[in-house]
Amino acid sequence: MDNSTDKLQRVLPISPRALLLVNRHARQGEKSLTEAIDCLKTLGFDLIEESTEDAKHLGDIIKRYQKEIDLVIAGGGDGTLNAIVDAIVDTQLPLGVLPMGTANDLARTLGIPNSLPEACKIIASGHLRRIDLGWVNGKHFFNVASLGLSVKITQRLTKEVKRRWGIFAYAATALQVIWESRPFQAEIRINGTSFRVKTVQIAVGNGRYYGGGMAVVHDAAIDDQRLDLYSMEIENWWQIILLLPAMRQGRHIYSRNVRVLEGKEIEVFTRKPRPINTDGEITTYTPALFRVIPKAISVLVPPA
């Protein structure tokens, strides 16, 4: 990850007014809320505190307060961030991230630690970085959009399972889904070329991390103005198990069973509509048009 100084700006006022949005259903949401509020107030923030039982309403809350605030601070996981990304694009408010979910993949990509006091200090430091967003069928995403195995994992990862088992819930659920996996046919169009594939997973990445710390490709960055695609083209479930260690570092792309492509716009077609998972939430279906939106929003990140 490149946090070089030419990509960072300091533009927040001395006593910024922030809308603090907390997903109380996030794994650490309820118990960490008081700590986050105390920490941010100590650092000089004038807070408007809002929470909701349904993350779908978070975007509407941002738009309601947009003229009264200097930035949005989101406390939750990647699902919470997925719920507000479109409103952040529309309002162009700076975004601060408090990792309070299970995976916290965007925070990992940006170098934001899971320690709430440290994350609050990063927001208070006021270092803004413009980052890219992915876009699929009208929906923005931070990390990865995918179809196949990851969708089945998402469908089985209930809030109760994530709250109880945390990051281990991803591994346990993934192993169960992998054992049941079956390949499907798809067509991928990119850079004027079409590929017909038999695959168990197609993932299109904007950031580096997804699924609890797996890397899309080893050199992916959230401001490289490209999308990275991999297609896992295997015949037997046990071949996926062999790839899992390499996926932590994004080195699975060197396997002969994995097709790797990159571009600014990608189309994926399947025989029947297949659900697409964006940042851990099922939000659209194939046929799918993916695009990268360069320098789409400003996020508060660690100083260079």
C-alpha atoms as a PDB file:
ATOM      1  CA  MET A   1       0.000   0.000   0.000  1.00  0.00           C
ATOM      2  CA  ASP A   2       1.308   3.447  -0.966  1.00  0.00           C
ATOM      3  CA  ASN A   3       0.492   6.243   1.464  1.00  0.00           C
ATOM      4  CA  SER A   4       2.952   8.700  -0.090  1.00  0.00           C
ATOM      5  CA  THR A   5       2.576  12.336   0.897  1.00  0.00           C
ATOM      6  CA  ASP A   6       1.613  13.560  -2.568  1.00  0.00           C
ATOM      7  CA  LYS A   7      -1.615  11.552  -2.250  1.00  0.00           C
ATOM      8  CA  LEU A   8      -2.542  12.978   1.167  1.00  0.00           C
ATOM      9  CA  GLN A   9      -4.124  16.279   2.148  1.00  0.00           C
ATOM     10  CA  ARG A  10      -5.068  17.940   5.431  1.00  0.00           C
ATOM     11  CA  VAL A  11      -8.304  19.842   4.970  1.00  0.00           C
ATOM     12  CA  LEU A  12     -10.428  19.205   8.076  1.00  0.00           C
ATOM     13  CA  PRO A  13     -11.295  22.199  10.301  1.00  0.00           C
ATOM     14  CA  ILE A  14      -9.856  22.524  13.825  1.00  0.00           C
ATOM     15  CA  SER A  15     -13.025  21.252  15.586  1.00  0.00           C
ATOM     16  CA  PRO A  16     -14.737  19.181  12.907  1.00  0.00           C
ATOM     17  CA  ARG A  17     -18.419  18.329  13.143  1.00  0.00           C
ATOM     18  CA  ALA A  18     -18.811  14.634  12.426  1.00  0.00           C
ATOM     19  CA  LEU A  19     -21.772  12.357  11.865  1.00  0.00           C
ATOM     20  CA  LEU A  20     -20.959   9.155  13.785  1.00  0.00           C
ATOM     21  CA  LEU A  21     -22.824   6.188  12.347  1.00  0.00           C
ATOM     22  CA  VAL A  22     -22.595   2.934  14.268  1.00  0.00           C
ATOM     23  CA  ASN A  23     -24.000  -0.424  13.253  1.00  0.00           C
ATOM     24  CA  ARG A  24     -25.158  -1.836  16.589  1.00  0.00           C
ATOM     25  CA  HIS A  25     -25.332  -5.271  14.955  1.00  0.00           C
ATOM     26  CA  ALA A  26     -21.637  -5.189  14.065  1.00  0.00           C
ATOM     27  CA  ARG A  27     -19.590  -7.657  16.076  1.00  0.00           C
ATOM     28  CA  GLN A  28     -18.141  -4.942  18.321  1.00  0.00           C
ATOM     29  CA  GLY A  29     -20.847  -2.341  17.692  1.00  0.00           C
ATOM     30  CA  GLU A  30     -22.697  -2.034  20.976  1.00  0.00           C
ATOM     31  CA  LYS A  31     -19.846  -2.567  23.414  1.00  0.00           C
ATOM     32  CA  SER A  32     -17.445  -0.258  21.553  1.00  0.00           C
ATOM     33  CA  LEU A  33     -19.824   2.637  20.949  1.00  0.00           C
ATOM     34  CA  THR A  34     -19.166   4.383  24.271  1.00  0.00           C
ATOM     35  CA  GLU A  35     -15.409   3.992  23.884  1.00  0.00           C
ATOM     36  CA  ALA A  36     -15.511   5.487  20.377  1.00  0.00           C
ATOM     37  CA  ILE A  37     -17.657   8.461  21.457  1.00  0.00           C
ATOM     38  CA  ASP A  38     -15.401   9.268  24.428  1.00  0.00           C
ATOM     39  CA  CYS A  39     -12.270   8.968  22.318  1.00  0.00           C
ATOM     40  CA  LEU A  40     -13.539  11.177  19.484  1.00  0.00           C
ATOM     41  CA  LYS A  41     -14.837  13.873  21.843  1.00  0.00           C
ATOM     42  CA  THR A  42     -11.493  13.913  23.649  1.00  0.00           C
ATOM     43  CA  LEU A  43      -9.818  14.479  20.281  1.00  0.00           C
ATOM     44  CA  GLY A  44     -11.996  17.539  19.632  1.00  0.00           C
ATOM     45  CA  PHE A  45     -14.815  16.251  17.466  1.00  0.00           C
ATOM     46  CA  ASP A  46     -18.292  17.774  17.682  1.00  0.00           C
ATOM     47  CA  LEU A  47     -20.402  14.642  17.200  1.00  0.00           C
ATOM     48  CA  ILE A  48     -23.864  13.957  15.882  1.00  0.00           C
ATOM     49  CA  GLU A  49     -24.542  10.369  16.923  1.00  0.00           C
ATOM     50  CA  GLU A  50     -26.883   8.155  14.924  1.00  0.00           C
ATOM     51  CA  SER A  51     -27.468   4.417  14.818  1.00  0.00           C
ATOM     52  CA  THR A  52     -30.032   2.226  13.148  1.00  0.00           C
ATOM     53  CA  GLU A  53     -31.221  -1.350  13.353  1.00  0.00           C
ATOM     54  CA  ASP A  54     -31.233  -1.549   9.545  1.00  0.00           C
ATOM     55  CA  ALA A  55     -28.024  -0.558   7.733  1.00  0.00           C
ATOM     56  CA  LYS A  56     -30.067   0.245   4.606  1.00  0.00           C
ATOM     57  CA  HIS A  57     -31.159   3.512   6.256  1.00  0.00           C
ATOM     58  CA  LEU A  58     -27.594   4.778   6.859  1.00  0.00           C
ATOM     59  CA  GLY A  59     -27.322   6.435   3.459  1.00  0.00           C
ATOM     60  CA  ASP A  60     -30.520   8.419   4.055  1.00  0.00           C
ATOM     61  CA  ILE A  61     -29.150   9.614   7.414  1.00  0.00           C
ATOM     62  CA  ILE A  62     -25.988  10.905   5.734  1.00  0.00           C
ATOM     63  CA  LYS A  63     -27.991  12.861   3.162  1.00  0.00           C
ATOM     64  CA  ARG A  64     -30.197  14.336   5.893  1.00  0.00           C
ATOM     65  CA  TYR A  65     -27.175  15.810   7.721  1.00  0.00           C
ATOM     66  CA  GLN A  66     -24.884  16.556   4.770  1.00  0.00           C
ATOM     67  CA  LYS A  67     -25.139  20.365   5.055  1.00  0.00           C
ATOM     68  CA  GLU A  68     -24.412  20.299   8.814  1.00  0.00           C
ATOM     69  CA  ILE A  69     -21.247  18.181   8.976  1.00  0.00           C
ATOM     70  CA  ASP A  70     -17.620  18.126   7.852  1.00  0.00           C
ATOM     71  CA  LEU A  71     -17.209  14.349   7.642  1.00  0.00           C
ATOM     72  CA  VAL A  72     -18.825  10.960   8.248  1.00  0.00           C
ATOM     73  CA  ILE A  73     -17.346   8.447  10.702  1.00  0.00           C
ATOM     74  CA  ALA A  74     -18.584   4.883  10.217  1.00  0.00           C
ATOM     75  CA  GLY A  75     -18.286   2.344  13.021  1.00  0.00           C
ATOM     76  CA  GLY A  76     -18.863  -1.190  11.803  1.00  0.00           C
ATOM     77  CA  GLY A  77     -17.524  -3.709   9.335  1.00  0.00           C
ATOM     78  CA  ASP A  78     -17.419  -3.913   5.562  1.00  0.00           C
ATOM     79  CA  GLY A  79     -21.193  -4.452   5.388  1.00  0.00           C
ATOM     80  CA  THR A  80     -21.774  -1.125   7.138  1.00  0.00           C
ATOM     81  CA  LEU A  81     -19.390   0.615   4.736  1.00  0.00           C
ATOM     82  CA  ASN A  82     -21.111  -1.040   1.771  1.00  0.00           C
ATOM     83  CA  ALA A  83     -24.419   0.422   2.991  1.00  0.00           C
ATOM     84  CA  ILE A  84     -23.105   4.006   2.997  1.00  0.00           C
ATOM     85  CA  VAL A  85     -20.743   4.069   0.021  1.00  0.00           C
ATOM     86  CA  ASP A  86     -23.304   5.399  -2.472  1.00  0.00           C
ATOM     87  CA  ALA A  87     -24.254   8.262  -0.118  1.00  0.00           C
ATOM     88  CA  ILE A  88     -20.559   9.122   0.384  1.00  0.00           C
ATOM     89  CA  VAL A  89     -20.154   9.313  -3.401  1.00  0.00           C
ATOM     90  CA  ASP A  90     -23.244  11.530  -3.746  1.00  0.00           C
ATOM     91  CA  THR A  91     -22.325  13.935  -0.932  1.00  0.00           C
ATOM     92  CA  GLN A  92     -18.509  13.803  -1.354  1.00  0.00           C
ATOM     93  CA  LEU A  93     -18.100  13.996   2.422  1.00  0.00           C
ATOM     94  CA  PRO A  94     -14.776  12.683   3.799  1.00  0.00           C
ATOM     95  CA  LEU A  95     -15.030   9.250   5.423  1.00  0.00           C
ATOM     96  CA  GLY A  96     -13.451   8.073   8.667  1.00  0.00           C
ATOM     97  CA  VAL A  97     -13.396   4.334   9.416  1.00  0.00           C
ATOM     98  CA  LEU A  98     -13.685   2.732  12.866  1.00  0.00           C
ATOM     99  CA  PRO A  99     -13.137  -1.042  12.424  1.00  0.00           C
ATOM    100  CA  MET A 100     -15.867  -2.611  14.556  1.00  0.00           C
ATOM    101  CA  GLY A 101     -16.941  -5.526  12.369  1.00  0.00           C
ATOM    102  CA  THR A 102     -15.770  -9.074  11.785  1.00  0.00           C
ATOM    103  CA  ALA A 103     -13.457  -8.834   8.773  1.00  0.00           C
ATOM    104  CA  ASN A 104     -12.674  -5.096   8.456  1.00  0.00           C
ATOM    105  CA  ASP A 105     -11.085  -5.617   5.036  1.00  0.00           C
ATOM    106  CA  LEU A 106     -11.240  -1.965   3.945  1.00  0.00           C
ATOM    107  CA  ALA A 107      -9.514  -0.918   7.165  1.00  0.00           C
ATOM    108  CA  ARG A 108      -6.809  -3.538   6.511  1.00  0.00           C
ATOM    109  CA  THR A 109      -6.323  -2.237   2.962  1.00  0.00           C
ATOM    110  CA  LEU A 110      -5.973   1.347   4.235  1.00  0.00           C
ATOM    111  CA  GLY A 111      -3.613   0.414   7.078  1.00  0.00           C
ATOM    112  CA  ILE A 112      -6.100   1.310   9.828  1.00  0.00           C
ATOM    113  CA  PRO A 113      -5.553  -0.838  12.955  1.00  0.00           C
ATOM    114  CA  ASN A 114      -8.378  -2.593  14.807  1.00  0.00           C
ATOM    115  CA  SER A 115      -7.557  -0.626  17.984  1.00  0.00           C
ATOM    116  CA  LEU A 116     -10.360   1.930  18.389  1.00  0.00           C
ATOM    117  CA  PRO A 117      -8.179   4.577  20.099  1.00  0.00           C
ATOM    118  CA  GLU A 118      -5.615   4.281  17.298  1.00  0.00           C
ATOM    119  CA  ALA A 119      -8.310   4.447  14.610  1.00  0.00           C
ATOM    120  CA  CYS A 120      -9.776   7.565  16.266  1.00  0.00           C
ATOM    121  CA  LYS A 121      -6.339   9.220  16.267  1.00  0.00           C
ATOM    122  CA  ILE A 122      -5.961   8.484  12.562  1.00  0.00           C
ATOM    123  CA  ILE A 123      -9.281  10.237  11.871  1.00  0.00           C
ATOM    124  CA  ALA A 124      -8.238  13.191  14.042  1.00  0.00           C
ATOM    125  CA  SER A 125      -4.908  13.504  12.198  1.00  0.00           C
ATOM    126  CA  GLY A 126      -6.916  14.725   9.196  1.00  0.00           C
ATOM    127  CA  HIS A 127      -4.894  13.012   6.460  1.00  0.00           C
ATOM    128  CA  LEU A 128      -7.217  12.536   3.486  1.00  0.00           C
ATOM    129  CA  ARG A 129      -6.491  10.182   0.604  1.00  0.00           C
ATOM    130  CA  ARG A 130      -8.512   9.908  -2.602  1.00  0.00           C
ATOM    131  CA  ILE A 131      -9.291   6.275  -3.367  1.00  0.00           C
ATOM    132  CA  ASP A 132     -10.919   4.411  -6.230  1.00  0.00           C
ATOM    133  CA  LEU A 133     -14.217   2.593  -6.003  1.00  0.00           C
ATOM    134  CA  GLY A 134     -15.514  -0.364  -7.923  1.00  0.00           C
ATOM    135  CA  TRP A 135     -18.944  -0.145  -9.575  1.00  0.00           C
ATOM    136  CA  VAL A 136     -21.198  -2.968 -10.742  1.00  0.00           C
ATOM    137  CA  ASN A 137     -24.671  -2.522 -12.236  1.00  0.00           C
ATOM    138  CA  GLY A 138     -25.069   0.837 -10.492  1.00  0.00           C
ATOM    139  CA  LYS A 139     -23.741  -0.242  -7.081  1.00  0.00           C
ATOM    140  CA  HIS A 140     -20.395   1.049  -5.739  1.00  0.00           C
ATOM    141  CA  PHE A 141     -18.059  -1.164  -3.722  1.00  0.00           C
ATOM    142  CA  PHE A 142     -14.766  -0.740  -1.868  1.00  0.00           C
ATOM    143  CA  ASN A 143     -13.127  -4.158  -1.850  1.00  0.00           C
ATOM    144  CA  VAL A 144     -14.381  -6.959  -4.094  1.00  0.00           C
ATOM    145  CA  ALA A 145     -17.444  -7.990  -6.052  1.00  0.00           C
ATOM    146  CA  SER A 146     -17.722 -11.705  -6.752  1.00  0.00           C
ATOM    147  CA  LEU A 147     -19.950 -14.569  -7.803  1.00  0.00           C
ATOM    148  CA  GLY A 148     -19.779 -18.267  -7.053  1.00  0.00           C
ATOM    149  CA  LEU A 149     -18.260 -19.577  -3.826  1.00  0.00           C
ATOM    150  CA  SER A 150     -18.211 -16.234  -2.027  1.00  0.00           C
ATOM    151  CA  VAL A 151     -21.946 -15.743  -2.538  1.00  0.00           C
ATOM    152  CA  LYS A 152     -22.698 -19.103  -0.958  1.00  0.00           C
ATOM    153  CA  ILE A 153     -20.425 -18.201   1.966  1.00  0.00           C
ATOM    154  CA  THR A 154     -22.245 -14.873   2.377  1.00  0.00           C
ATOM    155  CA  GLN A 155     -25.618 -16.605   2.350  1.00  0.00           C
ATOM    156  CA  ARG A 156     -24.574 -18.902   5.195  1.00  0.00           C
ATOM    157  CA  LEU A 157     -22.684 -16.359   7.315  1.00  0.00           C
ATOM    158  CA  THR A 158     -25.460 -15.208   9.616  1.00  0.00           C
ATOM    159  CA  LYS A 159     -25.009 -12.295  12.041  1.00  0.00           C
ATOM    160  CA  GLU A 160     -25.171 -14.765  14.917  1.00  0.00           C
ATOM    161  CA  VAL A 161     -22.367 -16.926  13.485  1.00  0.00           C
ATOM    162  CA  LYS A 162     -20.116 -13.918  12.840  1.00  0.00           C
ATOM    163  CA  ARG A 163     -20.791 -12.445  16.273  1.00  0.00           C
ATOM    164  CA  ARG A 164     -19.994 -15.730  18.010  1.00  0.00           C
ATOM    165  CA  TRP A 165     -16.987 -16.928  16.024  1.00  0.00           C
ATOM    166  CA  GLY A 166     -15.575 -13.722  14.531  1.00  0.00           C
ATOM    167  CA  ILE A 167     -13.014 -14.141  11.759  1.00  0.00           C
ATOM    168  CA  PHE A 168     -12.997 -17.949  12.261  1.00  0.00           C
ATOM    169  CA  ALA A 169     -16.582 -18.018  10.985  1.00  0.00           C
ATOM    170  CA  TYR A 170     -15.291 -17.241   7.471  1.00  0.00           C
ATOM    171  CA  ALA A 171     -12.897 -20.202   7.472  1.00  0.00           C
ATOM    172  CA  ALA A 172     -15.420 -22.691   8.866  1.00  0.00           C
ATOM    173  CA  THR A 173     -18.161 -21.618   6.476  1.00  0.00           C
ATOM    174  CA  ALA A 174     -15.777 -21.551   3.517  1.00  0.00           C
ATOM    175  CA  LEU A 175     -14.688 -25.143   4.115  1.00  0.00           C
ATOM    176  CA  GLN A 176     -18.304 -26.288   4.223  1.00  0.00           C
ATOM    177  CA  VAL A 177     -19.156 -24.430   0.999  1.00  0.00           C
ATOM    178  CA  ILE A 178     -16.003 -25.608  -0.800  1.00  0.00           C
ATOM    179  CA  TRP A 179     -16.906 -29.237  -0.145  1.00  0.00           C
ATOM    180  CA  GLU A 180     -20.257 -28.677  -1.901  1.00  0.00           C
ATOM    181  CA  SER A 181     -18.912 -26.506  -4.745  1.00  0.00           C
ATOM    182  CA  ARG A 182     -19.803 -27.150  -8.394  1.00  0.00           C
ATOM    183  CA  PRO A 183     -18.365 -25.293 -11.433  1.00  0.00           C
ATOM    184  CA  PHE A 184     -20.571 -23.028 -13.578  1.00  0.00           C
ATOM    185  CA  GLN A 185     -20.216 -21.601 -17.097  1.00  0.00           C
ATOM    186  CA  ALA A 186     -19.536 -17.896 -17.654  1.00  0.00           C
ATOM    187  CA  GLU A 187     -18.336 -15.496 -20.319  1.00  0.00           C
ATOM    188  CA  ILE A 188     -15.899 -12.713 -19.379  1.00  0.00           C
ATOM    189  CA  ARG A 189     -15.398  -9.737 -21.712  1.00  0.00           C
ATOM    190  CA  ILE A 190     -12.465  -7.424 -21.051  1.00  0.00           C
ATOM    191  CA  ASN A 191     -10.279  -5.140 -23.168  1.00  0.00           C
ATOM    192  CA  GLY A 192     -12.025  -6.206 -26.375  1.00  0.00           C
ATOM    193  CA  THR A 193     -11.508  -9.949 -25.749  1.00  0.00           C
ATOM    194  CA  SER A 194     -14.015 -12.604 -24.689  1.00  0.00           C
ATOM    195  CA  PHE A 195     -13.231 -15.657 -22.520  1.00  0.00           C
ATOM    196  CA  ARG A 196     -15.599 -18.580 -21.944  1.00  0.00           C
ATOM    197  CA  VAL A 197     -14.798 -20.254 -18.641  1.00  0.00           C
ATOM    198  CA  LYS A 198     -15.899 -23.085 -16.381  1.00  0.00           C
ATOM    199  CA  THR A 199     -15.311 -21.758 -12.894  1.00  0.00           C
ATOM    200  CA  VAL A 200     -16.319 -21.979  -9.232  1.00  0.00           C
ATOM    201  CA  GLN A 201     -15.572 -18.317  -8.469  1.00  0.00           C
ATOM    202  CA  ILE A 202     -15.090 -15.033 -10.297  1.00  0.00           C
ATOM    203  CA  ALA A 203     -13.844 -12.145  -8.164  1.00  0.00           C
ATOM    204  CA  VAL A 204     -13.380  -8.552  -9.328  1.00  0.00           C
ATOM    205  CA  GLY A 205     -11.281  -6.494  -6.936  1.00  0.00           C
ATOM    206  CA  ASN A 206     -10.891  -2.760  -6.452  1.00  0.00           C
ATOM    207  CA  GLY A 207      -9.006  -2.876  -3.137  1.00  0.00           C
ATOM    208  CA  ARG A 208      -6.535  -5.474  -1.923  1.00  0.00           C
ATOM    209  CA  TYR A 209      -8.308  -7.490   0.807  1.00  0.00           C
ATOM    210  CA  TYR A 210     -11.643  -9.310   1.100  1.00  0.00           C
ATOM    211  CA  GLY A 211     -13.202 -12.278   2.887  1.00  0.00           C
ATOM    212  CA  GLY A 212     -11.422 -11.719   6.182  1.00  0.00           C
ATOM    213  CA  GLY A 213      -7.923 -10.930   4.928  1.00  0.00           C
ATOM    214  CA  MET A 214      -7.509 -12.759   1.621  1.00  0.00           C
ATOM    215  CA  ALA A 215      -5.793 -10.743  -1.125  1.00  0.00           C
ATOM    216  CA  VAL A 216      -7.308 -10.395  -4.592  1.00  0.00           C
ATOM    217  CA  VAL A 217      -3.845 -10.263  -6.150  1.00  0.00           C
ATOM    218  CA  HIS A 218      -0.558  -9.627  -4.373  1.00  0.00           C
ATOM    219  CA  ASP A 219       0.025  -6.141  -5.827  1.00  0.00           C
ATOM    220  CA  ALA A 220      -3.544  -4.765  -5.792  1.00  0.00           C
ATOM    221  CA  ALA A 221      -3.997  -1.231  -4.453  1.00  0.00           C
ATOM    222  CA  ILE A 222      -7.123   0.823  -3.822  1.00  0.00           C
ATOM    223  CA  ASP A 223      -5.842   3.737  -5.888  1.00  0.00           C
ATOM    224  CA  ASP A 224      -4.234   1.969  -8.861  1.00  0.00           C
ATOM    225  CA  GLN A 225      -7.178   2.849 -11.154  1.00  0.00           C
ATOM    226  CA  ARG A 226      -7.708  -0.718 -12.293  1.00  0.00           C
ATOM    227  CA  LEU A 227      -9.873  -3.734 -11.523  1.00  0.00           C
ATOM    228  CA  ASP A 228      -8.216  -7.102 -10.879  1.00  0.00           C
ATOM    229  CA  LEU A 229     -10.171 -10.220 -11.849  1.00  0.00           C
ATOM    230  CA  TYR A 230      -9.444 -13.824 -11.040  1.00  0.00           C
ATOM    231  CA  SER A 231     -11.439 -16.860 -12.131  1.00  0.00           C
ATOM    232  CA  MET A 232     -10.898 -20.101 -10.190  1.00  0.00           C
ATOM    233  CA  GLU A 233     -11.188 -22.791 -12.855  1.00  0.00           C
ATOM    234  CA  ILE A 234     -10.931 -26.107 -11.048  1.00  0.00           C
ATOM    235  CA  GLU A 235     -12.699 -29.453 -11.319  1.00  0.00           C
ATOM    236  CA  ASN A 236     -12.524 -30.873  -7.786  1.00  0.00           C
ATOM    237  CA  TRP A 237     -13.232 -29.296  -4.397  1.00  0.00           C
ATOM    238  CA  TRP A 238      -9.920 -30.427  -2.895  1.00  0.00           C
ATOM    239  CA  GLN A 239      -8.011 -28.263  -5.397  1.00  0.00           C
ATOM    240  CA  ILE A 240      -9.450 -25.174  -3.677  1.00  0.00           C
ATOM    241  CA  ILE A 241      -8.066 -26.356  -0.341  1.00  0.00           C
ATOM    242  CA  LEU A 242      -4.593 -26.435  -1.883  1.00  0.00           C
ATOM    243  CA  LEU A 243      -5.002 -22.813  -3.024  1.00  0.00           C
ATOM    244  CA  LEU A 244      -6.186 -21.393   0.315  1.00  0.00           C
ATOM    245  CA  PRO A 245      -2.744 -20.683   1.836  1.00  0.00           C
ATOM    246  CA  ALA A 246      -1.667 -18.797  -1.292  1.00  0.00           C
ATOM    247  CA  MET A 247      -4.888 -16.752  -1.296  1.00  0.00           C
ATOM    248  CA  ARG A 248      -3.871 -15.039   1.960  1.00  0.00           C
ATOM    249  CA  GLN A 249      -1.067 -13.292   0.058  1.00  0.00           C
ATOM    250  CA  GLY A 250      -2.725 -13.082  -3.357  1.00  0.00           C
ATOM    251  CA  ARG A 251      -0.273 -15.661  -4.726  1.00  0.00           C
ATOM    252  CA  HIS A 252      -3.031 -18.002  -5.965  1.00  0.00           C
ATOM    253  CA  ILE A 253      -2.836 -16.115  -9.265  1.00  0.00           C
ATOM    254  CA  TYR A 254       0.274 -18.145 -10.138  1.00  0.00           C
ATOM    255  CA  SER A 255      -1.704 -21.405 -10.151  1.00  0.00           C
ATOM    256  CA  ARG A 256      -2.473 -22.912 -13.558  1.00  0.00           C
ATOM    257  CA  ASN A 257      -6.087 -23.302 -12.353  1.00  0.00           C
ATOM    258  CA  VAL A 258      -6.550 -19.551 -11.858  1.00  0.00           C
ATOM    259  CA  ARG A 259      -7.145 -17.116 -14.716  1.00  0.00           C
ATOM    260  CA  VAL A 260      -6.043 -13.522 -13.985  1.00  0.00           C
ATOM    261  CA  LEU A 261      -7.134 -10.421 -15.913  1.00  0.00           C
ATOM    262  CA  GLU A 262      -7.081  -6.669 -15.294  1.00  0.00           C
ATOM    263  CA  GLY A 263      -8.793  -3.666 -16.830  1.00  0.00           C
ATOM    264  CA  LYS A 264     -10.957  -0.624 -16.232  1.00  0.00           C
ATOM    265  CA  GLU A 265     -14.199  -2.222 -17.446  1.00  0.00           C
ATOM    266  CA  ILE A 266     -15.283  -5.873 -17.323  1.00  0.00           C
ATOM    267  CA  GLU A 267     -18.480  -7.688 -18.336  1.00  0.00           C
ATOM    268  CA  VAL A 268     -19.573 -11.076 -16.990  1.00  0.00           C
ATOM    269  CA  PHE A 269     -22.421 -13.134 -18.461  1.00  0.00           C
ATOM    270  CA  THR A 270     -23.953 -16.389 -17.188  1.00  0.00           C
ATOM    271  CA  ARG A 271     -26.665 -18.650 -18.592  1.00  0.00           C
ATOM    272  CA  LYS A 272     -29.074 -17.707 -15.809  1.00  0.00           C
ATOM    273  CA  PRO A 273     -28.855 -14.734 -13.416  1.00  0.00           C
ATOM    274  CA  ARG A 274     -26.361 -15.369 -10.607  1.00  0.00           C
ATOM    275  CA  PRO A 275     -26.171 -13.269  -7.435  1.00  0.00           C
ATOM    276  CA  ILE A 276     -23.194 -10.954  -6.932  1.00  0.00           C
ATOM    277  CA  ASN A 277     -21.641 -10.226  -3.558  1.00  0.00           C
ATOM    278  CA  THR A 278     -20.227  -6.691  -3.067  1.00  0.00           C
ATOM    279  CA  ASP A 279     -18.174  -6.242   0.123  1.00  0.00           C
ATOM    280  CA  GLY A 280     -19.985  -9.125   1.790  1.00  0.00           C
ATOM    281  CA  GLU A 281     -23.542  -8.157   0.777  1.00  0.00           C
ATOM    282  CA  ILE A 282     -25.573  -9.606  -2.120  1.00  0.00           C
ATOM    283  CA  THR A 283     -26.612  -6.529  -4.098  1.00  0.00           C
ATOM    284  CA  THR A 284     -27.056  -7.402  -7.790  1.00  0.00           C
ATOM    285  CA  TYR A 285     -27.108 -10.218 -10.376  1.00  0.00           C
ATOM    286  CA  THR A 286     -25.520 -11.174 -13.685  1.00  0.00           C
ATOM    287  CA  PRO A 287     -25.306 -10.061 -16.423  1.00  0.00           C
ATOM    288  CA  ALA A 288     -22.877  -7.633 -14.820  1.00  0.00           C
ATOM    289  CA  LEU A 289     -20.923  -4.601 -15.961  1.00  0.00           C
ATOM    290  CA  PHE A 290     -17.987  -3.713 -13.675  1.00  0.00           C
ATOM    291  CA  ARG A 291     -16.094  -0.410 -13.776  1.00  0.00           C
ATOM    292  CA  VAL A 292     -13.413   1.307 -11.731  1.00  0.00           C
ATOM    293  CA  ILE A 293     -14.251   4.862 -10.619  1.00  0.00           C
ATOM    294  CA  PRO A 294     -10.866   6.580 -10.109  1.00  0.00           C
ATOM    295  CA  LYS A 295     -10.347   8.881  -7.071  1.00  0.00           C
ATOM    296  CA  ALA A 296     -14.026   8.590  -6.235  1.00  0.00           C
ATOM    297  CA  ILE A 297     -14.012   9.600  -2.543  1.00  0.00           C
ATOM    298  CA  SER A 298     -11.760  10.887   0.256  1.00  0.00           C
ATOM    299  CA  VAL A 299     -10.903   8.632   3.211  1.00  0.00           C
ATOM    300  CA  LEU A 300      -8.996   9.471   6.396  1.00  0.00           C
ATOM    301  CA  VAL A 301      -5.863   7.311   6.555  1.00  0.00           C
ATOM    302  CA  PRO A 302      -2.655   6.997   8.593  1.00  0.00           C
ATOM    303  CA  PRO A 303      -0.035   9.692   7.916  1.00  0.00           C
ATOM    304  CA  ALA A 304       2.616   8.703   5.399  1.00  0.00           C
END
